Amino acid sequence: MALARKAPSLLALNPDIAIVQECSKNSVDDLHSQGLSGLWFGSNPNKGVAVFCSKTLALQSVDELFGKWVIPVRVHGPVDFNLLAIWACPVGTKRADNYIGQVHRCLVDQDGWFNRGPVVVAGDFNSNSQWDDDRPGRNHTEAVRLFEGHGLISAYHTHHGEKQGAETRPTTTFTIIRTTHFTSTTCLSRNVGA
């Protein structure tokens, strides 16, 4: 949608991986000329999700989508790993299926996928434990519990020593200190580059 206008800000971060929501299919070609390769997902060529990577990595689409905007990708590089790109947003008429609900559904329905080697989950979760009361059952805290059951932890919360729902700084951009950089609202990882 407006990625062309925002591309200089993204490129200034020099990301190894970036998950970008609400971008057009053409964005992949546009950023390719700027040094990022990518995969695009969606049905409307003007609004979808792109997963971009630096030239040191390669992306491979590996499975059917786990939800409208829950996208499994294999990342090849110095350390190969599975990436789950997330855009938690409205996806249907049932409230429980929208936003964090589609992430929760993936965690339950795709349980075995999380045991296939190193995993990073990143993207826009549009969620916070402060909103749990509005979503009994399939809420943020429950999704965090399920992620932790797979050995996945929030890079932001671990790095800053903060609790879910008590964030003191924006979670929009986060850099993992080991040579791998992620630009995302939320990033959960286990055993990547360790």
N, C-alpha and C. Protein backbone atom coordinates (compact mmCIF):
# COMPACT_ATOMS: atom_id res chain seq x y z
N MET A 1 0.84 -1.18 0.00
CA MET A 1 0.00 0.00 0.00
C MET A 1 0.89 1.25 0.00
N ALA A 2 1.60 1.53 1.04
CA ALA A 2 2.45 2.72 1.06
C ALA A 2 3.90 2.35 1.32
N LEU A 3 4.28 1.12 1.03
CA LEU A 3 5.64 0.69 1.34
C LEU A 3 6.67 1.47 0.53
N ALA A 4 6.33 1.83 -0.70
CA ALA A 4 7.29 2.57 -1.52
C ALA A 4 7.71 3.86 -0.81
N ARG A 5 6.77 4.52 -0.17
CA ARG A 5 7.05 5.76 0.55
C ARG A 5 7.86 5.49 1.83
N LYS A 6 7.64 4.32 2.45
CA LYS A 6 8.29 3.99 3.72
C LYS A 6 9.56 3.15 3.54
N ALA A 7 9.83 2.73 2.32
CA ALA A 7 10.97 1.85 2.05
C ALA A 7 12.29 2.41 2.56
N PRO A 8 12.58 3.70 2.43
CA PRO A 8 13.87 4.19 2.96
C PRO A 8 14.03 3.95 4.46
N SER A 9 12.95 4.06 5.22
CA SER A 9 13.03 3.79 6.66
C SER A 9 13.32 2.32 6.92
N LEU A 10 12.69 1.44 6.17
CA LEU A 10 12.93 0.00 6.32
C LEU A 10 14.37 -0.32 5.91
N LEU A 11 14.81 0.19 4.80
CA LEU A 11 16.16 -0.10 4.31
C LEU A 11 17.23 0.45 5.24
N ALA A 12 16.95 1.56 5.91
CA ALA A 12 17.91 2.14 6.87
C ALA A 12 18.17 1.21 8.04
N LEU A 13 17.22 0.33 8.34
CA LEU A 13 17.40 -0.64 9.42
C LEU A 13 18.35 -1.77 9.01
N ASN A 14 18.58 -1.91 7.70
CA ASN A 14 19.44 -2.97 7.17
C ASN A 14 19.02 -4.34 7.72
N PRO A 15 17.73 -4.69 7.55
CA PRO A 15 17.26 -5.95 8.17
C PRO A 15 17.77 -7.18 7.43
N ASP A 16 18.02 -8.22 8.20
CA ASP A 16 18.24 -9.53 7.60
C ASP A 16 16.90 -10.11 7.18
N ILE A 17 15.87 -9.90 8.01
CA ILE A 17 14.51 -10.35 7.71
C ILE A 17 13.53 -9.26 8.11
N ALA A 18 12.52 -9.04 7.29
CA ALA A 18 11.45 -8.10 7.64
C ALA A 18 10.13 -8.70 7.18
N ILE A 19 9.13 -8.65 8.03
CA ILE A 19 7.78 -9.05 7.68
C ILE A 19 6.98 -7.77 7.57
N VAL A 20 6.42 -7.52 6.39
CA VAL A 20 5.72 -6.26 6.13
C VAL A 20 4.27 -6.55 5.78
N GLN A 21 3.37 -5.99 6.56
CA GLN A 21 1.94 -6.17 6.34
C GLN A 21 1.41 -5.02 5.48
N GLU A 22 0.28 -5.28 4.85
CA GLU A 22 -0.43 -4.28 4.06
C GLU A 22 0.42 -3.73 2.92
N CYS A 23 1.20 -4.58 2.28
CA CYS A 23 2.00 -4.11 1.16
C CYS A 23 1.54 -4.78 -0.14
N SER A 24 1.87 -4.16 -1.23
CA SER A 24 1.46 -4.67 -2.54
C SER A 24 2.42 -5.75 -3.02
N LYS A 25 1.94 -6.51 -3.96
CA LYS A 25 2.77 -7.55 -4.56
C LYS A 25 3.97 -6.92 -5.28
N ASN A 26 3.77 -5.74 -5.85
CA ASN A 26 4.86 -5.04 -6.54
C ASN A 26 5.99 -4.65 -5.58
N SER A 27 5.70 -4.56 -4.30
CA SER A 27 6.73 -4.18 -3.32
C SER A 27 7.91 -5.13 -3.34
N VAL A 28 7.65 -6.40 -3.61
CA VAL A 28 8.74 -7.39 -3.63
C VAL A 28 9.72 -7.03 -4.74
N ASP A 29 9.20 -6.71 -5.92
CA ASP A 29 10.09 -6.32 -7.02
C ASP A 29 10.79 -5.00 -6.72
N ASP A 30 10.06 -4.05 -6.16
CA ASP A 30 10.64 -2.74 -5.84
C ASP A 30 11.81 -2.86 -4.87
N LEU A 31 11.65 -3.68 -3.84
CA LEU A 31 12.73 -3.80 -2.85
C LEU A 31 13.84 -4.73 -3.31
N HIS A 32 13.54 -5.59 -4.28
CA HIS A 32 14.58 -6.47 -4.82
C HIS A 32 15.71 -5.61 -5.41
N SER A 33 15.34 -4.54 -6.08
CA SER A 33 16.35 -3.66 -6.66
C SER A 33 17.12 -2.89 -5.58
N GLN A 34 16.62 -2.92 -4.34
CA GLN A 34 17.27 -2.25 -3.22
C GLN A 34 18.07 -3.23 -2.35
N GLY A 35 18.19 -4.49 -2.78
CA GLY A 35 19.01 -5.44 -2.05
C GLY A 35 18.27 -6.44 -1.19
N LEU A 36 16.94 -6.42 -1.20
CA LEU A 36 16.16 -7.40 -0.44
C LEU A 36 15.40 -8.31 -1.40
N SER A 37 15.43 -9.59 -1.14
CA SER A 37 14.56 -10.50 -1.91
C SER A 37 13.36 -10.81 -1.04
N GLY A 38 12.31 -11.32 -1.65
CA GLY A 38 11.13 -11.55 -0.83
C GLY A 38 10.10 -12.47 -1.44
N LEU A 39 9.18 -12.85 -0.60
CA LEU A 39 7.99 -13.62 -0.98
C LEU A 39 6.78 -12.80 -0.60
N TRP A 40 5.75 -12.83 -1.42
CA TRP A 40 4.53 -12.08 -1.14
C TRP A 40 3.37 -13.06 -1.05
N PHE A 41 2.44 -12.78 -0.12
CA PHE A 41 1.27 -13.63 0.09
C PHE A 41 0.02 -12.77 0.14
N GLY A 42 -1.03 -13.25 -0.52
CA GLY A 42 -2.30 -12.55 -0.49
C GLY A 42 -3.13 -12.84 -1.73
N SER A 43 -4.35 -12.36 -1.72
CA SER A 43 -5.23 -12.53 -2.87
C SER A 43 -5.50 -11.20 -3.58
N ASN A 44 -5.33 -10.09 -2.87
CA ASN A 44 -5.48 -8.76 -3.45
C ASN A 44 -4.08 -8.23 -3.73
N PRO A 45 -3.72 -8.02 -5.00
CA PRO A 45 -2.34 -7.62 -5.30
C PRO A 45 -1.92 -6.28 -4.68
N ASN A 46 -2.87 -5.55 -4.13
CA ASN A 46 -2.56 -4.27 -3.51
C ASN A 46 -2.39 -4.33 -2.00
N LYS A 47 -2.73 -5.48 -1.40
CA LYS A 47 -2.68 -5.56 0.05
C LYS A 47 -2.46 -7.00 0.50
N GLY A 48 -1.25 -7.26 0.98
CA GLY A 48 -0.92 -8.59 1.45
C GLY A 48 0.22 -8.51 2.45
N VAL A 49 0.93 -9.62 2.59
CA VAL A 49 2.07 -9.70 3.50
C VAL A 49 3.29 -10.11 2.68
N ALA A 50 4.40 -9.42 2.93
CA ALA A 50 5.66 -9.79 2.29
C ALA A 50 6.67 -10.16 3.37
N VAL A 51 7.46 -11.15 3.07
CA VAL A 51 8.60 -11.52 3.91
C VAL A 51 9.82 -11.21 3.07
N PHE A 52 10.65 -10.30 3.57
CA PHE A 52 11.86 -9.89 2.88
C PHE A 52 13.07 -10.41 3.61
N CYS A 53 14.15 -10.64 2.85
CA CYS A 53 15.41 -11.03 3.48
C CYS A 53 16.57 -10.41 2.73
N SER A 54 17.69 -10.30 3.43
CA SER A 54 18.91 -9.78 2.82
C SER A 54 19.45 -10.83 1.86
N LYS A 55 20.43 -10.43 1.10
CA LYS A 55 21.02 -11.33 0.11
C LYS A 55 21.79 -12.48 0.74
N THR A 56 22.06 -12.41 2.05
CA THR A 56 22.78 -13.49 2.72
C THR A 56 21.86 -14.65 3.07
N LEU A 57 20.56 -14.46 2.88
CA LEU A 57 19.57 -15.48 3.20
C LEU A 57 18.72 -15.79 1.97
N ALA A 58 18.02 -16.91 2.02
CA ALA A 58 17.07 -17.27 0.96
C ALA A 58 15.78 -17.74 1.62
N LEU A 59 14.65 -17.39 1.02
CA LEU A 59 13.34 -17.75 1.55
C LEU A 59 12.70 -18.82 0.68
N GLN A 60 11.99 -19.72 1.33
CA GLN A 60 11.27 -20.79 0.62
C GLN A 60 9.89 -20.94 1.24
N SER A 61 8.86 -20.82 0.41
CA SER A 61 7.50 -21.08 0.87
C SER A 61 7.37 -22.58 1.02
N VAL A 62 6.92 -23.05 2.19
CA VAL A 62 7.01 -24.49 2.46
C VAL A 62 5.70 -25.23 2.65
N ASP A 63 4.69 -24.60 3.15
CA ASP A 63 3.44 -25.28 3.46
C ASP A 63 2.27 -24.41 3.04
N GLU A 64 1.10 -24.99 3.10
CA GLU A 64 -0.11 -24.18 2.96
C GLU A 64 -0.13 -23.18 4.11
N LEU A 65 -0.77 -22.05 3.90
CA LEU A 65 -0.89 -21.08 4.98
C LEU A 65 -1.62 -21.72 6.15
N PHE A 66 -1.23 -21.35 7.36
CA PHE A 66 -1.86 -21.88 8.57
C PHE A 66 -3.07 -21.06 8.99
N GLY A 67 -3.34 -20.02 8.28
CA GLY A 67 -4.46 -19.11 8.50
C GLY A 67 -4.33 -18.09 7.40
N LYS A 68 -5.30 -17.18 7.28
CA LYS A 68 -5.22 -16.22 6.19
C LYS A 68 -3.90 -15.48 6.21
N TRP A 69 -3.42 -15.08 7.38
CA TRP A 69 -2.18 -14.33 7.49
C TRP A 69 -1.23 -14.96 8.50
N VAL A 70 -1.16 -16.27 8.54
CA VAL A 70 -0.21 -17.01 9.38
C VAL A 70 0.58 -17.87 8.39
N ILE A 71 1.80 -17.43 8.10
CA ILE A 71 2.53 -17.89 6.91
C ILE A 71 3.83 -18.61 7.29
N PRO A 72 3.90 -19.92 7.03
CA PRO A 72 5.15 -20.64 7.29
C PRO A 72 6.15 -20.47 6.14
N VAL A 73 7.39 -20.17 6.47
CA VAL A 73 8.45 -19.95 5.49
C VAL A 73 9.71 -20.64 6.02
N ARG A 74 10.49 -21.20 5.13
CA ARG A 74 11.79 -21.77 5.50
C ARG A 74 12.86 -20.75 5.12
N VAL A 75 13.74 -20.44 6.05
CA VAL A 75 14.83 -19.50 5.80
C VAL A 75 16.12 -20.29 5.71
N HIS A 76 16.85 -20.07 4.61
CA HIS A 76 18.14 -20.75 4.40
C HIS A 76 19.26 -19.71 4.52
N GLY A 77 20.27 -20.06 5.29
CA GLY A 77 21.41 -19.16 5.48
C GLY A 77 22.45 -19.84 6.34
N PRO A 78 23.25 -19.06 7.04
CA PRO A 78 24.24 -19.67 7.93
C PRO A 78 23.60 -20.65 8.91
N VAL A 79 22.38 -20.33 9.35
CA VAL A 79 21.58 -21.23 10.18
C VAL A 79 20.21 -21.31 9.51
N ASP A 80 19.82 -22.49 9.06
CA ASP A 80 18.48 -22.67 8.49
C ASP A 80 17.46 -22.72 9.62
N PHE A 81 16.29 -22.11 9.40
CA PHE A 81 15.24 -22.17 10.41
C PHE A 81 13.87 -21.95 9.78
N ASN A 82 12.86 -22.30 10.54
CA ASN A 82 11.47 -22.08 10.12
C ASN A 82 11.02 -20.73 10.65
N LEU A 83 10.35 -19.99 9.80
CA LEU A 83 9.82 -18.68 10.16
C LEU A 83 8.31 -18.72 10.02
N LEU A 84 7.62 -18.22 11.01
CA LEU A 84 6.17 -18.06 10.92
C LEU A 84 5.89 -16.56 10.90
N ALA A 85 5.48 -16.07 9.74
CA ALA A 85 5.18 -14.65 9.56
C ALA A 85 3.72 -14.41 9.93
N ILE A 86 3.47 -13.40 10.74
CA ILE A 86 2.14 -13.16 11.31
C ILE A 86 1.63 -11.77 10.93
N TRP A 87 0.35 -11.72 10.57
CA TRP A 87 -0.39 -10.46 10.52
C TRP A 87 -1.73 -10.76 11.17
N ALA A 88 -1.84 -10.48 12.43
CA ALA A 88 -3.08 -10.75 13.17
C ALA A 88 -4.02 -9.55 12.97
N CYS A 89 -5.08 -9.78 12.25
CA CYS A 89 -6.03 -8.73 11.90
C CYS A 89 -7.40 -9.38 11.69
N PRO A 90 -8.43 -8.61 11.37
CA PRO A 90 -9.72 -9.24 11.10
C PRO A 90 -9.65 -10.16 9.88
N VAL A 91 -10.17 -11.37 10.02
CA VAL A 91 -10.13 -12.33 8.91
C VAL A 91 -11.48 -12.96 8.61
N GLY A 92 -12.48 -12.67 9.40
CA GLY A 92 -13.79 -13.28 9.17
C GLY A 92 -14.85 -12.68 10.06
N THR A 93 -15.96 -13.37 10.11
CA THR A 93 -17.10 -12.84 10.88
C THR A 93 -17.10 -13.30 12.33
N LYS A 94 -16.40 -14.37 12.64
CA LYS A 94 -16.35 -14.86 14.02
C LYS A 94 -15.26 -14.13 14.80
N ARG A 95 -15.65 -13.47 15.86
CA ARG A 95 -14.70 -12.70 16.68
C ARG A 95 -13.53 -13.55 17.15
N ALA A 96 -13.79 -14.79 17.53
CA ALA A 96 -12.74 -15.65 18.08
C ALA A 96 -11.67 -15.99 17.03
N ASP A 97 -12.00 -15.87 15.74
CA ASP A 97 -11.04 -16.19 14.68
C ASP A 97 -10.18 -15.00 14.28
N ASN A 98 -10.56 -13.81 14.71
CA ASN A 98 -9.85 -12.60 14.30
C ASN A 98 -8.67 -12.30 15.22
N TYR A 99 -7.78 -11.46 14.72
CA TYR A 99 -6.60 -11.01 15.47
C TYR A 99 -5.85 -12.19 16.09
N ILE A 100 -5.63 -12.19 17.38
CA ILE A 100 -4.82 -13.23 18.02
C ILE A 100 -5.49 -14.61 17.90
N GLY A 101 -6.79 -14.62 17.60
CA GLY A 101 -7.50 -15.89 17.43
C GLY A 101 -6.92 -16.75 16.32
N GLN A 102 -6.49 -16.14 15.21
CA GLN A 102 -5.91 -16.94 14.13
C GLN A 102 -4.53 -17.47 14.53
N VAL A 103 -3.81 -16.74 15.35
CA VAL A 103 -2.51 -17.23 15.86
C VAL A 103 -2.75 -18.40 16.81
N HIS A 104 -3.71 -18.24 17.70
CA HIS A 104 -4.06 -19.30 18.64
C HIS A 104 -4.45 -20.57 17.88
N ARG A 105 -5.28 -20.42 16.86
CA ARG A 105 -5.70 -21.58 16.07
C ARG A 105 -4.50 -22.28 15.45
N CYS A 106 -3.55 -21.53 14.94
CA CYS A 106 -2.34 -22.12 14.36
C CYS A 106 -1.57 -22.91 15.42
N LEU A 107 -1.44 -22.34 16.60
CA LEU A 107 -0.70 -23.01 17.67
C LEU A 107 -1.33 -24.34 18.06
N VAL A 108 -2.64 -24.41 17.99
CA VAL A 108 -3.35 -25.64 18.33
C VAL A 108 -3.35 -26.62 17.16
N ASP A 109 -3.70 -26.13 15.97
CA ASP A 109 -3.85 -27.01 14.80
C ASP A 109 -2.53 -27.46 14.19
N GLN A 110 -1.48 -26.67 14.33
CA GLN A 110 -0.19 -26.98 13.69
C GLN A 110 0.87 -27.34 14.72
N ASP A 111 0.46 -27.94 15.80
CA ASP A 111 1.34 -28.24 16.93
C ASP A 111 2.66 -28.89 16.49
N GLY A 112 2.63 -29.86 15.60
CA GLY A 112 3.84 -30.57 15.19
C GLY A 112 4.82 -29.72 14.41
N TRP A 113 4.35 -28.70 13.71
CA TRP A 113 5.22 -27.85 12.91
C TRP A 113 6.30 -27.19 13.76
N PHE A 114 5.95 -26.87 14.99
CA PHE A 114 6.88 -26.16 15.86
C PHE A 114 8.02 -27.04 16.35
N ASN A 115 7.96 -28.33 16.07
CA ASN A 115 9.03 -29.25 16.50
C ASN A 115 9.97 -29.60 15.35
N ARG A 116 9.84 -28.93 14.21
CA ARG A 116 10.66 -29.23 13.04
C ARG A 116 11.92 -28.37 12.99
N GLY A 117 12.66 -28.27 14.03
CA GLY A 117 13.90 -27.50 14.02
C GLY A 117 13.72 -26.11 14.60
N PRO A 118 14.76 -25.27 14.47
CA PRO A 118 14.68 -23.92 15.02
C PRO A 118 13.50 -23.15 14.42
N VAL A 119 12.86 -22.34 15.23
CA VAL A 119 11.67 -21.60 14.81
C VAL A 119 11.78 -20.15 15.27
N VAL A 120 11.41 -19.24 14.38
CA VAL A 120 11.22 -17.83 14.71
C VAL A 120 9.81 -17.47 14.29
N VAL A 121 9.10 -16.79 15.16
CA VAL A 121 7.76 -16.29 14.85
C VAL A 121 7.85 -14.78 14.94
N ALA A 122 7.46 -14.08 13.88
CA ALA A 122 7.59 -12.62 13.89
C ALA A 122 6.47 -12.00 13.06
N GLY A 123 6.13 -10.79 13.41
CA GLY A 123 5.14 -10.06 12.63
C GLY A 123 4.32 -9.14 13.50
N ASP A 124 3.17 -8.80 12.99
CA ASP A 124 2.27 -7.88 13.68
C ASP A 124 1.16 -8.68 14.34
N PHE A 125 1.25 -8.82 15.66
CA PHE A 125 0.28 -9.61 16.41
C PHE A 125 -0.95 -8.79 16.79
N ASN A 126 -0.89 -7.47 16.69
CA ASN A 126 -2.02 -6.62 17.06
C ASN A 126 -2.66 -7.11 18.35
N SER A 127 -1.85 -7.39 19.34
CA SER A 127 -2.36 -8.01 20.55
C SER A 127 -1.52 -7.62 21.76
N ASN A 128 -2.13 -7.74 22.92
CA ASN A 128 -1.45 -7.45 24.17
C ASN A 128 -2.26 -8.12 25.28
N SER A 129 -1.59 -8.57 26.31
CA SER A 129 -2.32 -9.23 27.41
C SER A 129 -3.28 -8.27 28.12
N GLN A 130 -3.08 -6.98 27.95
CA GLN A 130 -4.01 -6.00 28.54
C GLN A 130 -5.41 -6.14 27.96
N TRP A 131 -5.53 -6.76 26.80
CA TRP A 131 -6.83 -6.91 26.13
C TRP A 131 -7.42 -8.31 26.31
N ASP A 132 -6.85 -9.11 27.19
CA ASP A 132 -7.32 -10.49 27.38
C ASP A 132 -8.79 -10.58 27.74
N ASP A 133 -9.29 -9.68 28.56
CA ASP A 133 -10.69 -9.76 29.00
C ASP A 133 -11.67 -9.68 27.84
N ASP A 134 -11.27 -9.02 26.75
CA ASP A 134 -12.13 -8.91 25.57
C ASP A 134 -12.14 -10.20 24.74
N ARG A 135 -11.23 -11.12 25.04
CA ARG A 135 -11.10 -12.35 24.25
C ARG A 135 -10.89 -13.55 25.17
N PRO A 136 -11.89 -13.94 25.90
CA PRO A 136 -11.71 -15.10 26.79
C PRO A 136 -11.33 -16.35 25.98
N GLY A 137 -10.36 -17.10 26.48
CA GLY A 137 -9.94 -18.34 25.82
C GLY A 137 -8.83 -18.11 24.82
N ARG A 138 -9.16 -17.61 23.66
CA ARG A 138 -8.16 -17.38 22.61
C ARG A 138 -7.60 -15.97 22.71
N ASN A 139 -6.84 -15.72 23.75
CA ASN A 139 -6.32 -14.38 23.94
C ASN A 139 -4.79 -14.37 23.92
N HIS A 140 -4.24 -13.21 24.15
CA HIS A 140 -2.79 -13.03 24.08
C HIS A 140 -2.05 -13.91 25.09
N THR A 141 -2.49 -13.88 26.32
CA THR A 141 -1.82 -14.66 27.37
C THR A 141 -1.85 -16.15 27.05
N GLU A 142 -2.95 -16.63 26.53
CA GLU A 142 -3.03 -18.05 26.16
C GLU A 142 -2.10 -18.36 24.99
N ALA A 143 -2.01 -17.46 24.01
CA ALA A 143 -1.09 -17.67 22.89
C ALA A 143 0.35 -17.69 23.39
N VAL A 144 0.70 -16.78 24.29
CA VAL A 144 2.06 -16.76 24.86
C VAL A 144 2.34 -18.08 25.58
N ARG A 145 1.36 -18.57 26.33
CA ARG A 145 1.53 -19.85 27.04
C ARG A 145 1.79 -20.99 26.04
N LEU A 146 1.04 -21.01 24.94
CA LEU A 146 1.23 -22.04 23.93
C LEU A 146 2.59 -21.91 23.25
N PHE A 147 3.00 -20.68 22.94
CA PHE A 147 4.34 -20.48 22.37
C PHE A 147 5.41 -20.99 23.34
N GLU A 148 5.27 -20.64 24.61
CA GLU A 148 6.25 -21.09 25.60
C GLU A 148 6.28 -22.61 25.71
N GLY A 149 5.13 -23.25 25.50
CA GLY A 149 5.08 -24.71 25.49
C GLY A 149 5.90 -25.32 24.36
N HIS A 150 6.14 -24.53 23.33
CA HIS A 150 7.00 -24.95 22.21
C HIS A 150 8.43 -24.47 22.40
N GLY A 151 8.73 -23.91 23.56
CA GLY A 151 10.07 -23.42 23.84
C GLY A 151 10.36 -22.07 23.22
N LEU A 152 9.34 -21.35 22.77
CA LEU A 152 9.52 -20.04 22.14
C LEU A 152 9.33 -18.93 23.17
N ILE A 153 10.22 -17.96 23.14
CA ILE A 153 10.12 -16.84 24.07
C ILE A 153 10.14 -15.54 23.27
N SER A 154 9.58 -14.50 23.85
CA SER A 154 9.58 -13.19 23.21
C SER A 154 10.96 -12.57 23.31
N ALA A 155 11.55 -12.26 22.16
CA ALA A 155 12.87 -11.63 22.16
C ALA A 155 12.81 -10.27 22.85
N TYR A 156 11.77 -9.50 22.57
CA TYR A 156 11.63 -8.18 23.19
C TYR A 156 11.56 -8.30 24.72
N HIS A 157 10.64 -9.12 25.22
CA HIS A 157 10.43 -9.22 26.66
C HIS A 157 11.64 -9.80 27.38
N THR A 158 12.31 -10.74 26.75
CA THR A 158 13.50 -11.33 27.35
C THR A 158 14.64 -10.30 27.37
N HIS A 159 14.84 -9.63 26.26
CA HIS A 159 15.92 -8.66 26.16
C HIS A 159 15.74 -7.50 27.15
N HIS A 160 14.51 -7.00 27.25
CA HIS A 160 14.25 -5.84 28.11
C HIS A 160 13.86 -6.22 29.54
N GLY A 161 13.69 -7.51 29.81
CA GLY A 161 13.32 -7.93 31.15
C GLY A 161 11.94 -7.42 31.57
N GLU A 162 11.03 -7.34 30.61
CA GLU A 162 9.69 -6.82 30.89
C GLU A 162 8.66 -7.93 30.81
N LYS A 163 7.56 -7.74 31.50
CA LYS A 163 6.46 -8.70 31.48
C LYS A 163 5.49 -8.34 30.37
N GLN A 164 4.82 -9.38 29.85
CA GLN A 164 3.76 -9.16 28.87
C GLN A 164 2.72 -8.22 29.45
N GLY A 165 2.33 -7.20 28.69
CA GLY A 165 1.32 -6.26 29.12
C GLY A 165 1.87 -5.09 29.92
N ALA A 166 3.15 -5.13 30.25
CA ALA A 166 3.77 -4.05 31.02
C ALA A 166 4.94 -3.44 30.26
N GLU A 167 4.82 -3.37 28.94
CA GLU A 167 5.89 -2.87 28.09
C GLU A 167 6.10 -1.37 28.34
N THR A 168 7.36 -0.97 28.45
CA THR A 168 7.68 0.44 28.71
C THR A 168 8.21 1.16 27.48
N ARG A 169 8.45 0.44 26.41
CA ARG A 169 8.96 1.04 25.18
C ARG A 169 8.30 0.35 23.99
N PRO A 170 8.28 1.01 22.84
CA PRO A 170 7.63 0.40 21.67
C PRO A 170 8.26 -0.93 21.30
N THR A 171 7.45 -1.84 20.84
CA THR A 171 7.94 -3.16 20.39
C THR A 171 8.07 -3.21 18.88
N THR A 172 7.89 -2.11 18.21
CA THR A 172 7.83 -2.11 16.75
C THR A 172 9.11 -2.58 16.09
N THR A 173 10.26 -2.17 16.58
CA THR A 173 11.53 -2.58 15.98
C THR A 173 12.39 -3.22 17.05
N PHE A 174 12.93 -4.38 16.72
CA PHE A 174 13.77 -5.06 17.70
C PHE A 174 14.93 -5.73 16.98
N THR A 175 16.09 -5.66 17.54
CA THR A 175 17.27 -6.31 16.98
C THR A 175 17.76 -7.36 17.96
N ILE A 176 17.89 -8.58 17.45
CA ILE A 176 18.46 -9.65 18.28
C ILE A 176 19.97 -9.50 18.17
N ILE A 177 20.62 -9.55 19.29
CA ILE A 177 22.07 -9.31 19.30
C ILE A 177 22.77 -10.53 18.77
N ARG A 178 22.90 -11.14 18.02
CA ARG A 178 23.69 -12.21 17.45
C ARG A 178 23.78 -11.97 15.99
N THR A 179 24.03 -11.28 15.19
CA THR A 179 24.08 -11.19 13.73
C THR A 179 22.74 -11.32 13.01
N THR A 180 21.68 -11.66 13.66
CA THR A 180 20.40 -11.78 12.97
C THR A 180 19.48 -10.67 13.46
N HIS A 181 18.99 -9.87 12.55
CA HIS A 181 18.15 -8.72 12.91
C HIS A 181 16.73 -8.97 12.44
N PHE A 182 15.76 -8.63 13.26
CA PHE A 182 14.37 -8.80 12.91
C PHE A 182 13.66 -7.47 13.10
N THR A 183 12.85 -7.10 12.15
CA THR A 183 12.02 -5.93 12.29
C THR A 183 10.60 -6.44 12.39
N SER A 184 10.00 -6.29 13.54
CA SER A 184 8.68 -6.84 13.73
C SER A 184 8.04 -6.26 14.97
N THR A 185 6.77 -6.45 15.07
CA THR A 185 6.09 -6.03 16.28
C THR A 185 6.39 -7.02 17.39
N THR A 186 6.41 -8.28 17.07
CA THR A 186 6.72 -9.31 18.05
C THR A 186 7.64 -10.32 17.41
N CYS A 187 8.61 -10.78 18.15
CA CYS A 187 9.52 -11.80 17.65
C CYS A 187 9.74 -12.82 18.76
N LEU A 188 9.43 -14.07 18.45
CA LEU A 188 9.66 -15.15 19.40
C LEU A 188 10.64 -16.10 18.75
N SER A 189 11.58 -16.61 19.52
CA SER A 189 12.55 -17.51 18.89
C SER A 189 13.05 -18.55 19.87
N ARG A 190 13.69 -19.58 19.29
CA ARG A 190 14.28 -20.67 20.04
C ARG A 190 15.47 -21.19 19.24
N ASN A 191 16.62 -21.25 19.83
CA ASN A 191 17.79 -21.92 19.26
C ASN A 191 18.17 -21.47 17.85
N VAL A 192 18.04 -20.20 17.55
CA VAL A 192 18.49 -19.72 16.24
C VAL A 192 19.80 -19.00 16.42
N GLY A 193 20.83 -19.51 15.80
CA GLY A 193 22.14 -18.90 15.87
C GLY A 193 22.82 -19.08 17.21
N ALA A 194 22.34 -20.00 18.01
CA ALA A 194 22.93 -20.21 19.34
C ALA A 194 24.26 -20.91 19.24
